Amino acid sequence: MADTPDNNRDIANAQGCASVSLREVKAWFVREVLPLESALIHFLHHNWRNQADIDDLLQEVYMRLTAAAQKEIPAQTKAFVFSTARNLLIDRVRREQVVPIEAVADLDALGVAIDEPGPDRSVMARDELRRVQAALDRLPPRAREALLLRRVDGLSRAEIAQRMGIGEGTVKEYLSESVCALADMLYGETDIARRRP
């Protein structure tokens, strides 16, 4: 019997590891990942200082996505794509910060304060905080209030509903609306006005 993608998949499933056919992965990639490319490129440009690396980073994200999808196609593609990109950037930063132990005989000679962020990270953090604050300011007032009560003050939905004088269902809608709107504003996909029915 000849090995076909379906036969390979059946063999993999019988051996206890899930597998997705290459045809299914390609269809998923074209249908769900490629439409996110412009937002992904924007995310990489915003979060990586060396702009010459963006094409390589994009290709590496795509490689990681297809490798993972061959095991199982994710249910939440957008979240999976941006998590993969974020993890790749974290891996790259970690690799760049590794200093071989042989390179420095006296670790104090490095002059690096391990617990303190460098000036570039402080500037990037302040810039990111400004972006988040601007995005928060663009939210509808009641949705912003609910989000801040939940994420900053740590209140439950019931406590938020009581404090705002609304039902828990409305709190849930406000939270969902504000989180989606923030994600859209921060990743540059759509405007909050387009998200409303």
C-alpha atoms as a PDB file:
ATOM      1  CA  MET A   1       0.000   0.000   0.000  1.00  0.00           C
ATOM      2  CA  ALA A   2       1.401   3.385  -1.026  1.00  0.00           C
ATOM      3  CA  ASP A   3       1.931   6.109   1.570  1.00  0.00           C
ATOM      4  CA  THR A   4      -0.538   8.904   1.040  1.00  0.00           C
ATOM      5  CA  PRO A   5      -1.099  11.925   3.299  1.00  0.00           C
ATOM      6  CA  ASP A   6      -4.267  10.300   4.670  1.00  0.00           C
ATOM      7  CA  ASN A   7      -2.451   7.008   5.326  1.00  0.00           C
ATOM      8  CA  ASN A   8       0.383   8.844   7.088  1.00  0.00           C
ATOM      9  CA  ARG A   9      -2.170  10.674   9.178  1.00  0.00           C
ATOM     10  CA  ASP A  10      -3.903   7.403  10.127  1.00  0.00           C
ATOM     11  CA  ILE A  11      -0.544   5.874  11.067  1.00  0.00           C
ATOM     12  CA  ALA A  12       0.356   8.917  13.188  1.00  0.00           C
ATOM     13  CA  ASN A  13      -3.035   8.839  14.914  1.00  0.00           C
ATOM     14  CA  ALA A  14      -2.672   5.119  15.610  1.00  0.00           C
ATOM     15  CA  GLN A  15       0.733   5.802  17.169  1.00  0.00           C
ATOM     16  CA  GLY A  16      -0.804   8.338  19.537  1.00  0.00           C
ATOM     17  CA  CYS A  17       0.370  11.597  17.975  1.00  0.00           C
ATOM     18  CA  ALA A  18      -2.014  13.836  16.124  1.00  0.00           C
ATOM     19  CA  SER A  19      -1.104  14.921  12.629  1.00  0.00           C
ATOM     20  CA  VAL A  20      -2.672  17.220  10.087  1.00  0.00           C
ATOM     21  CA  SER A  21      -2.230  16.740   6.351  1.00  0.00           C
ATOM     22  CA  LEU A  22      -0.044  19.175   4.478  1.00  0.00           C
ATOM     23  CA  ARG A  23      -3.015  20.127   2.310  1.00  0.00           C
ATOM     24  CA  GLU A  24      -5.039  21.104   5.405  1.00  0.00           C
ATOM     25  CA  VAL A  25      -2.134  23.115   6.807  1.00  0.00           C
ATOM     26  CA  LYS A  26      -1.688  24.974   3.504  1.00  0.00           C
ATOM     27  CA  ALA A  27      -5.412  25.742   3.284  1.00  0.00           C
ATOM     28  CA  TRP A  28      -5.449  26.969   6.899  1.00  0.00           C
ATOM     29  CA  PHE A  29      -2.355  29.090   6.304  1.00  0.00           C
ATOM     30  CA  VAL A  30      -3.797  30.791   3.207  1.00  0.00           C
ATOM     31  CA  ARG A  31      -7.261  31.193   4.718  1.00  0.00           C
ATOM     32  CA  GLU A  32      -6.391  32.373   8.224  1.00  0.00           C
ATOM     33  CA  VAL A  33      -2.706  33.338   8.558  1.00  0.00           C
ATOM     34  CA  LEU A  34      -1.950  35.292   5.377  1.00  0.00           C
ATOM     35  CA  PRO A  35      -4.760  37.822   5.982  1.00  0.00           C
ATOM     36  CA  LEU A  36      -2.969  38.721   9.248  1.00  0.00           C
ATOM     37  CA  GLU A  37       0.340  39.434   7.490  1.00  0.00           C
ATOM     38  CA  SER A  38       0.084  43.238   7.462  1.00  0.00           C
ATOM     39  CA  ALA A  39      -0.794  43.347  11.171  1.00  0.00           C
ATOM     40  CA  LEU A  40       2.000  40.875  11.916  1.00  0.00           C
ATOM     41  CA  ILE A  41       4.538  42.973   9.992  1.00  0.00           C
ATOM     42  CA  HIS A  42       3.349  46.072  11.871  1.00  0.00           C
ATOM     43  CA  PHE A  43       3.735  44.185  15.167  1.00  0.00           C
ATOM     44  CA  LEU A  44       7.287  43.108  14.252  1.00  0.00           C
ATOM     45  CA  HIS A  45       8.259  46.616  13.104  1.00  0.00           C
ATOM     46  CA  HIS A  46       6.961  48.091  16.328  1.00  0.00           C
ATOM     47  CA  ASN A  47       8.608  45.548  18.621  1.00  0.00           C
ATOM     48  CA  TRP A  48      11.990  44.876  16.983  1.00  0.00           C
ATOM     49  CA  ARG A  49      14.667  47.538  16.802  1.00  0.00           C
ATOM     50  CA  ASN A  50      16.609  46.162  13.808  1.00  0.00           C
ATOM     51  CA  GLN A  51      14.265  46.713  10.884  1.00  0.00           C
ATOM     52  CA  ALA A  52      16.559  44.741   8.561  1.00  0.00           C
ATOM     53  CA  ASP A  53      15.572  41.577  10.455  1.00  0.00           C
ATOM     54  CA  ILE A  54      11.818  41.910   9.840  1.00  0.00           C
ATOM     55  CA  ASP A  55      11.668  39.658   6.747  1.00  0.00           C
ATOM     56  CA  ASP A  56      13.674  36.953   8.500  1.00  0.00           C
ATOM     57  CA  LEU A  57      11.495  37.225  11.592  1.00  0.00           C
ATOM     58  CA  LEU A  58       8.342  36.964   9.496  1.00  0.00           C
ATOM     59  CA  GLN A  59       9.631  33.821   7.784  1.00  0.00           C
ATOM     60  CA  GLU A  60      10.605  32.279  11.101  1.00  0.00           C
ATOM     61  CA  VAL A  61       7.137  33.011  12.515  1.00  0.00           C
ATOM     62  CA  TYR A  62       5.622  31.309   9.461  1.00  0.00           C
ATOM     63  CA  MET A  63       7.895  28.289   9.918  1.00  0.00           C
ATOM     64  CA  ARG A  64       6.902  27.957  13.580  1.00  0.00           C
ATOM     65  CA  LEU A  65       3.216  28.324  12.718  1.00  0.00           C
ATOM     66  CA  THR A  66       3.272  25.635  10.032  1.00  0.00           C
ATOM     67  CA  ALA A  67       5.300  23.261  12.206  1.00  0.00           C
ATOM     68  CA  ALA A  68       2.782  23.636  15.031  1.00  0.00           C
ATOM     69  CA  ALA A  69      -0.197  23.370  12.665  1.00  0.00           C
ATOM     70  CA  GLN A  70       1.094  20.060  11.330  1.00  0.00           C
ATOM     71  CA  LYS A  71       0.429  18.644  14.793  1.00  0.00           C
ATOM     72  CA  GLU A  72      -2.852  20.485  15.356  1.00  0.00           C
ATOM     73  CA  ILE A  73      -4.446  23.502  13.687  1.00  0.00           C
ATOM     74  CA  PRO A  74      -5.107  26.107  16.397  1.00  0.00           C
ATOM     75  CA  ALA A  75      -8.673  27.168  17.120  1.00  0.00           C
ATOM     76  CA  GLN A  76      -7.727  30.827  17.686  1.00  0.00           C
ATOM     77  CA  THR A  77      -5.443  31.651  14.767  1.00  0.00           C
ATOM     78  CA  LYS A  78      -4.928  35.364  15.446  1.00  0.00           C
ATOM     79  CA  ALA A  79      -3.965  34.845  19.085  1.00  0.00           C
ATOM     80  CA  PHE A  80      -1.707  31.956  18.092  1.00  0.00           C
ATOM     81  CA  VAL A  81       0.048  34.014  15.382  1.00  0.00           C
ATOM     82  CA  PHE A  82       0.790  36.944  17.698  1.00  0.00           C
ATOM     83  CA  SER A  83       1.816  34.684  20.588  1.00  0.00           C
ATOM     84  CA  THR A  84       4.209  32.888  18.258  1.00  0.00           C
ATOM     85  CA  ALA A  85       5.665  36.207  17.068  1.00  0.00           C
ATOM     86  CA  ARG A  86       6.016  37.462  20.636  1.00  0.00           C
ATOM     87  CA  ASN A  87       7.746  34.252  21.731  1.00  0.00           C
ATOM     88  CA  LEU A  88      10.114  34.458  18.769  1.00  0.00           C
ATOM     89  CA  LEU A  89      11.095  38.020  19.705  1.00  0.00           C
ATOM     90  CA  ILE A  90      11.650  36.946  23.314  1.00  0.00           C
ATOM     91  CA  ASP A  91      13.846  34.057  22.142  1.00  0.00           C
ATOM     92  CA  ARG A  92      15.871  36.419  19.952  1.00  0.00           C
ATOM     93  CA  VAL A  93      16.385  38.901  22.797  1.00  0.00           C
ATOM     94  CA  ARG A  94      17.504  36.115  25.112  1.00  0.00           C
ATOM     95  CA  ARG A  95      19.971  34.830  22.519  1.00  0.00           C
ATOM     96  CA  GLU A  96      21.440  38.305  22.048  1.00  0.00           C
ATOM     97  CA  GLN A  97      21.943  38.743  25.790  1.00  0.00           C
ATOM     98  CA  VAL A  98      23.873  35.503  26.257  1.00  0.00           C
ATOM     99  CA  VAL A  99      27.528  36.145  27.019  1.00  0.00           C
ATOM    100  CA  PRO A 100      29.801  33.091  26.985  1.00  0.00           C
ATOM    101  CA  ILE A 101      31.281  32.564  30.441  1.00  0.00           C
ATOM    102  CA  GLU A 102      34.740  32.191  28.915  1.00  0.00           C
ATOM    103  CA  ALA A 103      34.491  35.670  27.401  1.00  0.00           C
ATOM    104  CA  VAL A 104      34.606  37.379  30.784  1.00  0.00           C
ATOM    105  CA  ALA A 105      36.870  36.179  33.560  1.00  0.00           C
ATOM    106  CA  ASP A 106      35.373  38.563  36.110  1.00  0.00           C
ATOM    107  CA  LEU A 107      31.590  38.876  35.828  1.00  0.00           C
ATOM    108  CA  ASP A 108      31.703  42.192  37.699  1.00  0.00           C
ATOM    109  CA  ALA A 109      33.809  43.546  34.835  1.00  0.00           C
ATOM    110  CA  LEU A 110      30.711  43.468  32.643  1.00  0.00           C
ATOM    111  CA  GLY A 111      29.338  46.447  34.549  1.00  0.00           C
ATOM    112  CA  VAL A 112      25.794  45.275  33.925  1.00  0.00           C
ATOM    113  CA  ALA A 113      23.132  45.822  36.531  1.00  0.00           C
ATOM    114  CA  ILE A 114      21.154  42.634  36.185  1.00  0.00           C
ATOM    115  CA  ASP A 115      17.975  43.898  37.844  1.00  0.00           C
ATOM    116  CA  GLU A 116      17.892  47.298  36.160  1.00  0.00           C
ATOM    117  CA  PRO A 117      16.619  47.742  32.612  1.00  0.00           C
ATOM    118  CA  GLY A 118      18.861  49.609  30.220  1.00  0.00           C
ATOM    119  CA  PRO A 119      17.976  53.074  28.946  1.00  0.00           C
ATOM    120  CA  ASP A 120      16.706  51.677  25.649  1.00  0.00           C
ATOM    121  CA  ARG A 121      14.284  49.363  27.460  1.00  0.00           C
ATOM    122  CA  SER A 122      13.096  52.210  29.676  1.00  0.00           C
ATOM    123  CA  VAL A 123      12.389  54.361  26.624  1.00  0.00           C
ATOM    124  CA  MET A 124      10.588  51.480  24.888  1.00  0.00           C
ATOM    125  CA  ALA A 125       8.542  50.790  28.031  1.00  0.00           C
ATOM    126  CA  ARG A 126       7.529  54.455  28.343  1.00  0.00           C
ATOM    127  CA  ASP A 127       6.588  54.506  24.650  1.00  0.00           C
ATOM    128  CA  GLU A 128       4.506  51.353  25.103  1.00  0.00           C
ATOM    129  CA  LEU A 129       2.768  52.859  28.149  1.00  0.00           C
ATOM    130  CA  ARG A 130       1.938  55.988  26.141  1.00  0.00           C
ATOM    131  CA  ARG A 131       0.445  53.809  23.376  1.00  0.00           C
ATOM    132  CA  VAL A 132      -1.643  51.851  25.880  1.00  0.00           C
ATOM    133  CA  GLN A 133      -2.833  55.050  27.585  1.00  0.00           C
ATOM    134  CA  ALA A 134      -3.799  56.584  24.230  1.00  0.00           C
ATOM    135  CA  ALA A 135      -5.693  53.416  23.323  1.00  0.00           C
ATOM    136  CA  LEU A 136      -7.447  53.402  26.707  1.00  0.00           C
ATOM    137  CA  ASP A 137      -8.427  57.048  26.208  1.00  0.00           C
ATOM    138  CA  ARG A 138     -10.108  56.111  22.911  1.00  0.00           C
ATOM    139  CA  LEU A 139     -12.378  53.513  24.559  1.00  0.00           C
ATOM    140  CA  PRO A 140     -15.982  54.446  25.385  1.00  0.00           C
ATOM    141  CA  PRO A 141     -16.035  55.783  28.980  1.00  0.00           C
ATOM    142  CA  ARG A 142     -18.150  52.989  30.509  1.00  0.00           C
ATOM    143  CA  ALA A 143     -16.167  50.223  28.773  1.00  0.00           C
ATOM    144  CA  ARG A 144     -12.909  51.858  29.916  1.00  0.00           C
ATOM    145  CA  GLU A 145     -14.196  52.118  33.487  1.00  0.00           C
ATOM    146  CA  ALA A 146     -15.177  48.425  33.537  1.00  0.00           C
ATOM    147  CA  LEU A 147     -11.816  47.383  32.105  1.00  0.00           C
ATOM    148  CA  LEU A 148      -9.844  49.431  34.618  1.00  0.00           C
ATOM    149  CA  LEU A 149     -11.909  48.129  37.520  1.00  0.00           C
ATOM    150  CA  ARG A 150     -11.231  44.563  36.349  1.00  0.00           C
ATOM    151  CA  ARG A 151      -7.586  44.737  35.262  1.00  0.00           C
ATOM    152  CA  VAL A 152      -6.182  47.455  37.520  1.00  0.00           C
ATOM    153  CA  ASP A 153      -8.324  47.174  40.649  1.00  0.00           C
ATOM    154  CA  GLY A 154      -8.831  43.404  40.300  1.00  0.00           C
ATOM    155  CA  LEU A 155     -12.565  43.483  40.958  1.00  0.00           C
ATOM    156  CA  SER A 156     -14.830  40.592  39.971  1.00  0.00           C
ATOM    157  CA  ARG A 157     -17.636  41.063  37.448  1.00  0.00           C
ATOM    158  CA  ALA A 158     -20.172  41.072  40.272  1.00  0.00           C
ATOM    159  CA  GLU A 159     -18.255  43.782  42.127  1.00  0.00           C
ATOM    160  CA  ILE A 160     -17.929  45.851  38.952  1.00  0.00           C
ATOM    161  CA  ALA A 161     -21.645  45.476  38.239  1.00  0.00           C
ATOM    162  CA  GLN A 162     -22.479  46.622  41.745  1.00  0.00           C
ATOM    163  CA  ARG A 163     -20.071  49.578  41.631  1.00  0.00           C
ATOM    164  CA  MET A 164     -21.241  50.730  38.173  1.00  0.00           C
ATOM    165  CA  GLY A 165     -24.940  50.026  38.840  1.00  0.00           C
ATOM    166  CA  ILE A 166     -25.339  47.672  35.852  1.00  0.00           C
ATOM    167  CA  GLY A 167     -25.917  43.954  35.273  1.00  0.00           C
ATOM    168  CA  GLU A 168     -23.123  41.370  35.104  1.00  0.00           C
ATOM    169  CA  GLY A 169     -24.028  40.647  31.471  1.00  0.00           C
ATOM    170  CA  THR A 170     -23.407  44.289  30.614  1.00  0.00           C
ATOM    171  CA  VAL A 171     -20.075  44.174  32.458  1.00  0.00           C
ATOM    172  CA  LYS A 172     -19.115  41.117  30.419  1.00  0.00           C
ATOM    173  CA  GLU A 173     -20.011  42.964  27.189  1.00  0.00           C
ATOM    174  CA  TYR A 174     -18.026  46.041  28.253  1.00  0.00           C
ATOM    175  CA  LEU A 175     -14.982  43.915  29.101  1.00  0.00           C
ATOM    176  CA  SER A 176     -15.158  41.963  25.856  1.00  0.00           C
ATOM    177  CA  GLU A 177     -15.676  45.109  23.798  1.00  0.00           C
ATOM    178  CA  SER A 178     -12.810  46.972  25.469  1.00  0.00           C
ATOM    179  CA  VAL A 179     -10.313  44.100  25.223  1.00  0.00           C
ATOM    180  CA  CYS A 180     -11.104  43.542  21.532  1.00  0.00           C
ATOM    181  CA  ALA A 181     -10.932  47.262  20.805  1.00  0.00           C
ATOM    182  CA  LEU A 182      -7.589  47.599  22.610  1.00  0.00           C
ATOM    183  CA  ALA A 183      -6.136  44.659  20.683  1.00  0.00           C
ATOM    184  CA  ASP A 184      -7.304  46.193  17.413  1.00  0.00           C
ATOM    185  CA  MET A 185      -5.943  49.629  18.274  1.00  0.00           C
ATOM    186  CA  LEU A 186      -2.591  48.376  19.555  1.00  0.00           C
ATOM    187  CA  TYR A 187      -1.997  45.996  16.656  1.00  0.00           C
ATOM    188  CA  GLY A 188      -3.318  48.465  14.065  1.00  0.00           C
ATOM    189  CA  GLU A 189      -5.982  46.251  12.502  1.00  0.00           C
ATOM    190  CA  THR A 190      -9.272  48.069  12.768  1.00  0.00           C
ATOM    191  CA  ASP A 191     -10.836  51.042  14.420  1.00  0.00           C
ATOM    192  CA  ILE A 192     -13.237  50.560  17.336  1.00  0.00           C
ATOM    193  CA  ALA A 193     -16.042  52.108  15.308  1.00  0.00           C
ATOM    194  CA  ARG A 194     -15.800  49.287  12.737  1.00  0.00           C
ATOM    195  CA  ARG A 195     -16.143  46.637  15.475  1.00  0.00           C
ATOM    196  CA  ARG A 196     -19.549  47.834  16.620  1.00  0.00           C
ATOM    197  CA  PRO A 197     -22.643  46.285  14.935  1.00  0.00           C
END
